[in-house]
Amino acid sequence: MVKFYGYIVAEEWLLQRGIEMGHPPPKTYSDLTDIIVMAAGDVRLETGVYRYTKLRDVQNRKGKTLWCIAFASSDPWEGLPTSAPPESKSNALKEALQKTGPPRWFRGA
């Protein structure tokens, strides 16, 4: 089972960001996914972490699927480092997402 090290981002937050970027509210699940991917890409670009992060779906302990901006992965085929990056690399994203703690490891969905 692959694991990802990063920050969980609420789907609602990503949707709101996408709408603020000028995208119309989604009419289909495909529209929703497109908006989420674009909004996540935007926040990754804005915080300077785009080139060394990826948006992945992960599961919490209860099995619910969530979105994660990942800095590392337990699977080297993911194209991410296999260990956590220095904290300085995640600080801008942490601030933008209004998180209080460091990134964490999550099980891939």
N, C-alpha and C. Protein backbone atom coordinates (compact mmCIF):
# COMPACT_ATOMS: atom_id res chain seq x y z
N MET A 1 0.85 -1.18 0.00
CA MET A 1 0.00 0.00 0.00
C MET A 1 0.89 1.24 0.00
N VAL A 2 0.67 2.09 -0.96
CA VAL A 2 1.45 3.32 -1.07
C VAL A 2 0.96 4.34 -0.03
N LYS A 3 1.90 5.10 0.49
CA LYS A 3 1.57 6.18 1.43
C LYS A 3 2.10 7.49 0.86
N PHE A 4 1.41 8.58 1.21
CA PHE A 4 1.80 9.91 0.76
C PHE A 4 1.99 10.81 1.96
N TYR A 5 3.00 11.66 1.88
CA TYR A 5 3.32 12.61 2.94
C TYR A 5 2.92 13.99 2.46
N GLY A 6 1.92 14.59 3.10
CA GLY A 6 1.48 15.91 2.66
C GLY A 6 0.37 16.45 3.53
N TYR A 7 -0.31 17.42 2.96
CA TYR A 7 -1.42 18.09 3.64
C TYR A 7 -2.73 17.70 2.99
N ILE A 8 -3.72 17.38 3.81
CA ILE A 8 -5.09 17.15 3.34
C ILE A 8 -5.68 18.51 2.99
N VAL A 9 -6.38 18.56 1.86
CA VAL A 9 -7.05 19.78 1.44
C VAL A 9 -8.53 19.45 1.24
N ALA A 10 -9.39 20.18 1.91
CA ALA A 10 -10.83 19.92 1.83
C ALA A 10 -11.33 20.16 0.41
N GLU A 11 -12.16 19.25 -0.05
CA GLU A 11 -12.75 19.38 -1.37
C GLU A 11 -13.52 20.70 -1.50
N GLU A 12 -14.21 21.08 -0.45
CA GLU A 12 -14.98 22.32 -0.46
C GLU A 12 -14.07 23.54 -0.63
N TRP A 13 -12.89 23.50 0.02
CA TRP A 13 -11.93 24.60 -0.09
C TRP A 13 -11.41 24.71 -1.52
N LEU A 14 -11.09 23.56 -2.11
CA LEU A 14 -10.60 23.55 -3.49
C LEU A 14 -11.69 24.03 -4.45
N LEU A 15 -12.92 23.58 -4.24
CA LEU A 15 -14.04 24.01 -5.09
C LEU A 15 -14.24 25.52 -4.99
N GLN A 16 -14.23 26.05 -3.78
CA GLN A 16 -14.40 27.49 -3.59
C GLN A 16 -13.27 28.26 -4.27
N ARG A 17 -12.05 27.78 -4.14
CA ARG A 17 -10.91 28.43 -4.79
C ARG A 17 -11.08 28.42 -6.31
N GLY A 18 -11.55 27.30 -6.84
CA GLY A 18 -11.77 27.21 -8.28
C GLY A 18 -12.84 28.18 -8.75
N ILE A 19 -13.90 28.32 -7.99
CA ILE A 19 -14.96 29.26 -8.35
C ILE A 19 -14.44 30.69 -8.28
N GLU A 20 -13.63 30.98 -7.24
CA GLU A 20 -13.01 32.32 -7.13
C GLU A 20 -12.06 32.60 -8.30
N MET A 21 -11.50 31.54 -8.89
CA MET A 21 -10.63 31.69 -10.06
C MET A 21 -11.43 31.97 -11.33
N GLY A 22 -12.76 31.86 -11.24
CA GLY A 22 -13.60 32.16 -12.39
C GLY A 22 -14.26 30.96 -13.03
N HIS A 23 -14.08 29.78 -12.48
CA HIS A 23 -14.73 28.60 -13.04
C HIS A 23 -16.18 28.55 -12.58
N PRO A 24 -17.09 28.15 -13.47
CA PRO A 24 -18.49 28.05 -13.05
C PRO A 24 -18.67 26.87 -12.11
N PRO A 25 -19.70 26.90 -11.28
CA PRO A 25 -19.98 25.77 -10.41
C PRO A 25 -20.11 24.48 -11.24
N PRO A 26 -19.63 23.37 -10.71
CA PRO A 26 -19.67 22.12 -11.49
C PRO A 26 -21.08 21.59 -11.67
N LYS A 27 -21.30 20.99 -12.84
CA LYS A 27 -22.59 20.36 -13.12
C LYS A 27 -22.47 18.85 -13.07
N THR A 28 -21.26 18.34 -13.25
CA THR A 28 -21.03 16.90 -13.24
C THR A 28 -19.83 16.60 -12.34
N TYR A 29 -19.64 15.32 -12.03
CA TYR A 29 -18.49 14.92 -11.23
C TYR A 29 -17.19 15.23 -11.99
N SER A 30 -17.21 15.09 -13.29
CA SER A 30 -16.04 15.41 -14.11
C SER A 30 -15.69 16.90 -13.99
N ASP A 31 -16.71 17.75 -14.01
CA ASP A 31 -16.49 19.19 -13.83
C ASP A 31 -15.86 19.45 -12.47
N LEU A 32 -16.38 18.79 -11.44
CA LEU A 32 -15.86 18.97 -10.08
C LEU A 32 -14.39 18.58 -10.01
N THR A 33 -14.06 17.43 -10.58
CA THR A 33 -12.67 16.97 -10.57
C THR A 33 -11.76 17.94 -11.32
N ASP A 34 -12.21 18.44 -12.46
CA ASP A 34 -11.41 19.41 -13.22
C ASP A 34 -11.14 20.67 -12.39
N ILE A 35 -12.15 21.17 -11.72
CA ILE A 35 -11.99 22.38 -10.90
C ILE A 35 -11.03 22.11 -9.76
N ILE A 36 -11.15 20.96 -9.12
CA ILE A 36 -10.27 20.62 -8.00
C ILE A 36 -8.82 20.54 -8.46
N VAL A 37 -8.57 19.89 -9.57
CA VAL A 37 -7.20 19.76 -10.09
C VAL A 37 -6.63 21.15 -10.43
N MET A 38 -7.43 21.99 -11.07
CA MET A 38 -6.96 23.34 -11.42
C MET A 38 -6.71 24.18 -10.17
N ALA A 39 -7.59 24.11 -9.20
CA ALA A 39 -7.43 24.89 -7.97
C ALA A 39 -6.21 24.43 -7.18
N ALA A 40 -6.01 23.11 -7.12
CA ALA A 40 -4.84 22.59 -6.41
C ALA A 40 -3.56 23.02 -7.13
N GLY A 41 -3.58 22.97 -8.45
CA GLY A 41 -2.41 23.43 -9.21
C GLY A 41 -2.12 24.89 -8.96
N ASP A 42 -3.18 25.69 -8.87
CA ASP A 42 -3.02 27.11 -8.61
C ASP A 42 -2.38 27.38 -7.26
N VAL A 43 -2.86 26.72 -6.21
CA VAL A 43 -2.28 26.94 -4.87
C VAL A 43 -0.86 26.40 -4.81
N ARG A 44 -0.58 25.33 -5.53
CA ARG A 44 0.79 24.79 -5.56
C ARG A 44 1.73 25.76 -6.27
N LEU A 45 1.27 26.37 -7.36
CA LEU A 45 2.08 27.38 -8.06
C LEU A 45 2.30 28.61 -7.19
N GLU A 46 1.21 29.08 -6.59
CA GLU A 46 1.26 30.29 -5.77
C GLU A 46 2.24 30.15 -4.59
N THR A 47 2.32 28.97 -4.02
CA THR A 47 3.16 28.76 -2.85
C THR A 47 4.56 28.24 -3.21
N GLY A 48 4.82 28.07 -4.50
CA GLY A 48 6.15 27.66 -4.93
C GLY A 48 6.48 26.19 -4.74
N VAL A 49 5.46 25.34 -4.56
CA VAL A 49 5.73 23.92 -4.34
C VAL A 49 5.32 23.05 -5.53
N TYR A 50 4.88 23.66 -6.62
CA TYR A 50 4.32 22.90 -7.74
C TYR A 50 5.26 21.83 -8.27
N ARG A 51 6.51 22.19 -8.48
CA ARG A 51 7.41 21.26 -9.16
C ARG A 51 7.83 20.07 -8.31
N TYR A 52 7.61 20.11 -7.01
CA TYR A 52 7.98 18.95 -6.19
C TYR A 52 6.83 18.44 -5.33
N THR A 53 5.59 18.66 -5.80
CA THR A 53 4.42 18.08 -5.14
C THR A 53 3.49 17.50 -6.20
N LYS A 54 2.57 16.67 -5.74
CA LYS A 54 1.53 16.13 -6.61
C LYS A 54 0.23 16.07 -5.83
N LEU A 55 -0.88 16.20 -6.54
CA LEU A 55 -2.19 16.04 -5.93
C LEU A 55 -2.56 14.57 -6.00
N ARG A 56 -2.86 13.99 -4.86
CA ARG A 56 -3.20 12.58 -4.79
C ARG A 56 -4.43 12.39 -3.92
N ASP A 57 -5.16 11.31 -4.18
CA ASP A 57 -6.27 10.98 -3.30
C ASP A 57 -5.76 9.96 -2.28
N VAL A 58 -6.15 10.19 -1.03
CA VAL A 58 -5.71 9.37 0.08
C VAL A 58 -6.93 8.99 0.93
N GLN A 59 -6.70 8.13 1.90
CA GLN A 59 -7.79 7.73 2.79
C GLN A 59 -7.43 8.07 4.22
N ASN A 60 -8.44 8.49 4.98
CA ASN A 60 -8.21 8.69 6.40
C ASN A 60 -8.39 7.35 7.10
N ARG A 61 -8.27 7.33 8.41
CA ARG A 61 -8.35 6.07 9.17
C ARG A 61 -9.71 5.39 9.04
N LYS A 62 -10.73 6.16 8.74
CA LYS A 62 -12.07 5.59 8.61
C LYS A 62 -12.36 5.14 7.18
N GLY A 63 -11.40 5.33 6.27
CA GLY A 63 -11.56 4.89 4.89
C GLY A 63 -12.16 5.92 3.96
N LYS A 64 -12.39 7.14 4.45
CA LYS A 64 -12.93 8.21 3.60
C LYS A 64 -11.84 8.73 2.67
N THR A 65 -12.17 8.92 1.41
CA THR A 65 -11.21 9.43 0.43
C THR A 65 -11.13 10.95 0.52
N LEU A 66 -9.91 11.46 0.57
CA LEU A 66 -9.63 12.89 0.70
C LEU A 66 -8.57 13.29 -0.31
N TRP A 67 -8.44 14.58 -0.55
CA TRP A 67 -7.40 15.11 -1.43
C TRP A 67 -6.17 15.48 -0.60
N CYS A 68 -5.00 15.20 -1.14
CA CYS A 68 -3.74 15.48 -0.45
C CYS A 68 -2.75 16.10 -1.42
N ILE A 69 -2.13 17.20 -1.01
CA ILE A 69 -1.00 17.73 -1.77
C ILE A 69 0.22 17.08 -1.16
N ALA A 70 0.83 16.17 -1.91
CA ALA A 70 1.88 15.30 -1.40
C ALA A 70 3.28 15.79 -1.76
N PHE A 71 4.15 15.74 -0.77
CA PHE A 71 5.57 16.08 -0.93
C PHE A 71 6.43 14.84 -1.11
N ALA A 72 5.96 13.69 -0.64
CA ALA A 72 6.74 12.46 -0.69
C ALA A 72 5.79 11.27 -0.81
N SER A 73 6.35 10.14 -1.20
CA SER A 73 5.58 8.92 -1.34
C SER A 73 6.44 7.73 -0.94
N SER A 74 5.81 6.68 -0.45
CA SER A 74 6.54 5.46 -0.12
C SER A 74 6.88 4.67 -1.38
N ASP A 75 6.29 5.05 -2.51
CA ASP A 75 6.52 4.36 -3.79
C ASP A 75 7.37 5.24 -4.70
N PRO A 76 8.61 4.84 -5.00
CA PRO A 76 9.47 5.67 -5.84
C PRO A 76 8.93 5.88 -7.26
N TRP A 77 8.01 5.03 -7.72
CA TRP A 77 7.42 5.18 -9.05
C TRP A 77 6.46 6.37 -9.13
N GLU A 78 6.11 6.94 -8.01
CA GLU A 78 5.23 8.11 -7.99
C GLU A 78 5.94 9.38 -8.46
N GLY A 79 7.26 9.34 -8.54
CA GLY A 79 8.02 10.52 -8.97
C GLY A 79 8.18 11.56 -7.87
N LEU A 80 8.00 11.14 -6.64
CA LEU A 80 8.19 12.02 -5.48
C LEU A 80 9.31 11.44 -4.63
N PRO A 81 9.93 12.25 -3.78
CA PRO A 81 10.93 11.70 -2.85
C PRO A 81 10.27 10.64 -1.96
N THR A 82 11.09 9.76 -1.41
CA THR A 82 10.55 8.71 -0.53
C THR A 82 10.69 9.08 0.94
N SER A 83 11.19 10.27 1.20
CA SER A 83 11.27 10.74 2.59
C SER A 83 10.76 12.17 2.66
N ALA A 84 10.40 12.58 3.86
CA ALA A 84 9.86 13.92 4.07
C ALA A 84 10.88 14.99 3.72
N PRO A 85 10.46 16.08 3.09
CA PRO A 85 11.37 17.17 2.75
C PRO A 85 11.64 18.04 3.98
N PRO A 86 12.62 18.93 3.88
CA PRO A 86 12.83 19.88 4.98
C PRO A 86 11.56 20.70 5.21
N GLU A 87 11.32 21.06 6.44
CA GLU A 87 10.12 21.81 6.80
C GLU A 87 10.01 23.11 6.02
N SER A 88 11.13 23.70 5.69
CA SER A 88 11.11 24.98 4.97
C SER A 88 10.39 24.87 3.62
N LYS A 89 10.41 23.70 3.01
CA LYS A 89 9.75 23.52 1.72
C LYS A 89 8.23 23.49 1.84
N SER A 90 7.72 23.14 3.00
CA SER A 90 6.27 23.02 3.15
C SER A 90 5.64 24.23 3.83
N ASN A 91 6.43 25.16 4.34
CA ASN A 91 5.90 26.28 5.12
C ASN A 91 4.92 27.17 4.35
N ALA A 92 5.23 27.50 3.10
CA ALA A 92 4.35 28.38 2.33
C ALA A 92 2.99 27.72 2.09
N LEU A 93 3.01 26.43 1.76
CA LEU A 93 1.75 25.72 1.55
C LEU A 93 0.99 25.60 2.87
N LYS A 94 1.70 25.31 3.95
CA LYS A 94 1.09 25.22 5.27
C LYS A 94 0.34 26.50 5.60
N GLU A 95 0.97 27.63 5.32
CA GLU A 95 0.37 28.93 5.59
C GLU A 95 -0.86 29.17 4.72
N ALA A 96 -0.75 28.87 3.43
CA ALA A 96 -1.86 29.09 2.50
C ALA A 96 -3.08 28.24 2.87
N LEU A 97 -2.82 27.01 3.34
CA LEU A 97 -3.91 26.11 3.70
C LEU A 97 -4.38 26.32 5.14
N GLN A 98 -3.70 27.22 5.84
CA GLN A 98 -4.01 27.54 7.24
C GLN A 98 -3.94 26.30 8.13
N LYS A 99 -2.87 25.52 7.93
CA LYS A 99 -2.63 24.34 8.75
C LYS A 99 -1.77 24.73 9.94
N THR A 100 -1.88 24.00 11.03
CA THR A 100 -1.11 24.33 12.23
C THR A 100 0.05 23.38 12.46
N GLY A 101 -0.01 22.19 11.94
CA GLY A 101 1.06 21.22 12.17
C GLY A 101 1.81 20.88 10.90
N PRO A 102 2.76 19.99 11.03
CA PRO A 102 3.54 19.57 9.86
C PRO A 102 2.71 18.65 8.97
N PRO A 103 3.16 18.40 7.73
CA PRO A 103 2.48 17.41 6.89
C PRO A 103 2.51 16.05 7.59
N ARG A 104 1.65 15.13 7.14
CA ARG A 104 1.60 13.79 7.72
C ARG A 104 1.55 12.74 6.62
N TRP A 105 1.75 11.50 7.01
CA TRP A 105 1.65 10.37 6.09
C TRP A 105 0.21 9.88 6.05
N PHE A 106 -0.27 9.60 4.83
CA PHE A 106 -1.62 9.09 4.61
C PHE A 106 -1.58 7.91 3.65
N ARG A 107 -2.47 6.99 3.83
CA ARG A 107 -2.58 5.83 2.95
C ARG A 107 -3.23 6.24 1.63
N GLY A 108 -2.64 5.82 0.53
CA GLY A 108 -3.22 6.12 -0.78
C GLY A 108 -4.56 5.46 -0.95
N ALA A 109 -5.43 6.10 -1.72
CA ALA A 109 -6.78 5.56 -1.93
C ALA A 109 -6.80 4.48 -2.98
